[in-house]
Amino acid sequence: MTKADIVNEISKNTGIEKITVQKTVEAFMEAVKDSMIGSKNVYLRGFGSFVVKKRAKKTARNISKNTTIIIPAHNIPSFKPAKSFVNKVKANVK
């Protein structure tokens, strides 16, 4: 499902114009991105959590050049679904 599909589905179910729904979806995604860039987690009860995970500094190997490289500590965005959401997906096995 793409962002356009989500906008169409919400517009169809609510009767709100597509352009309004699109602006709302875009604003939601910007709010989540801005929060995570600021190292703040976003919690949506019943859906899941957008969390910032911290990765420690580590040593890795570049196999093609046979050298060792240092990967510095960094943050990455992550999504953890809510338990109720996971259970509904698991129950939908065909």
Protein backbone atom coordinates (compact mmCIF):
# COMPACT_ATOMS: atom_id res chain seq x y z
CA MET A 1 0.00 0.00 0.00
CA THR A 2 1.42 3.38 -0.99
CA LYS A 3 0.85 6.82 0.50
CA ALA A 4 -1.57 7.58 -2.36
CA ASP A 5 -3.52 4.40 -1.53
CA ILE A 6 -3.73 5.46 2.12
CA VAL A 7 -4.98 8.92 1.13
CA ASN A 8 -7.60 7.38 -1.19
CA GLU A 9 -8.77 4.94 1.50
CA ILE A 10 -9.10 7.63 4.18
CA SER A 11 -10.87 9.96 1.76
CA LYS A 12 -13.31 7.24 0.73
CA ASN A 13 -14.05 6.18 4.34
CA THR A 14 -14.45 9.68 5.79
CA GLY A 15 -15.80 11.73 2.88
CA ILE A 16 -13.02 14.30 3.33
CA GLU A 17 -11.46 15.70 0.16
CA LYS A 18 -8.28 13.97 -0.99
CA ILE A 19 -6.20 17.16 -0.91
CA THR A 20 -7.11 17.74 2.75
CA VAL A 21 -6.33 14.14 3.64
CA GLN A 22 -3.02 14.33 1.77
CA LYS A 23 -1.99 17.48 3.66
CA THR A 24 -2.94 15.82 6.95
CA VAL A 25 -0.97 12.65 6.18
CA GLU A 26 2.04 14.74 5.09
CA ALA A 27 1.81 16.82 8.28
CA PHE A 28 1.65 13.65 10.40
CA MET A 29 4.74 12.21 8.71
CA GLU A 30 6.63 15.50 9.13
CA ALA A 31 5.70 15.61 12.83
CA VAL A 32 7.01 12.05 13.32
CA LYS A 33 10.22 12.81 11.38
CA ASP A 34 10.84 16.07 13.25
CA SER A 35 10.31 14.36 16.61
CA MET A 36 12.70 11.54 15.75
CA ILE A 37 15.32 13.94 14.38
CA GLY A 38 15.10 15.66 17.78
CA SER A 39 15.69 12.26 19.47
CA LYS A 40 12.10 12.09 20.73
CA ASN A 41 10.12 8.87 20.43
CA VAL A 42 6.53 8.81 19.10
CA TYR A 43 4.04 6.48 20.80
CA LEU A 44 0.71 5.61 19.12
CA ARG A 45 -1.35 3.45 21.47
CA GLY A 46 -2.72 0.35 19.73
CA PHE A 47 -0.49 0.88 16.67
CA GLY A 48 3.14 1.06 17.71
CA SER A 49 6.12 3.22 18.57
CA PHE A 50 8.56 5.09 16.38
CA VAL A 51 11.75 5.02 18.44
CA VAL A 52 15.28 6.27 18.01
CA LYS A 53 17.78 3.48 18.59
CA LYS A 54 21.35 4.21 19.51
CA ARG A 55 24.04 2.10 17.85
CA ALA A 56 27.40 1.85 19.58
CA LYS A 57 30.73 2.42 17.84
CA LYS A 58 32.01 -0.79 16.27
CA THR A 59 34.78 -2.21 14.12
CA ALA A 60 33.84 -3.73 10.77
CA ARG A 61 35.71 -5.26 7.84
CA ASN A 62 35.81 -4.13 4.23
CA ILE A 63 36.21 -7.55 2.62
CA SER A 64 37.01 -6.29 -0.88
CA LYS A 65 39.96 -4.19 0.35
CA ASN A 66 40.79 -6.46 3.30
CA THR A 67 40.84 -3.52 5.69
CA THR A 68 39.29 -2.70 9.04
CA ILE A 69 37.01 0.30 9.35
CA ILE A 70 35.49 2.01 12.36
CA ILE A 71 31.76 2.69 12.26
CA PRO A 72 31.05 5.57 14.67
CA ALA A 73 28.20 5.57 17.16
CA HIS A 74 24.96 6.73 15.53
CA ASN A 75 21.19 6.84 15.89
CA ILE A 76 18.74 5.05 13.61
CA PRO A 77 14.93 5.28 13.36
CA SER A 78 12.97 2.16 14.19
CA PHE A 79 9.34 1.05 14.45
CA LYS A 80 8.06 -1.34 17.08
CA PRO A 81 4.44 -2.46 16.57
CA ALA A 82 2.05 -2.68 19.52
CA LYS A 83 1.32 -6.15 20.93
CA SER A 84 -2.36 -5.96 19.95
CA PHE A 85 -1.33 -5.04 16.38
CA VAL A 86 1.14 -7.94 16.20
CA ASN A 87 -1.45 -10.38 17.53
CA LYS A 88 -4.00 -9.32 14.89
CA VAL A 89 -1.43 -9.78 12.11
CA LYS A 90 -0.42 -13.19 13.49
CA ALA A 91 -4.07 -14.28 13.69
CA ASN A 92 -4.60 -13.41 10.04
CA VAL A 93 -2.64 -16.44 8.75
CA LYS A 94 -4.17 -18.00 5.66
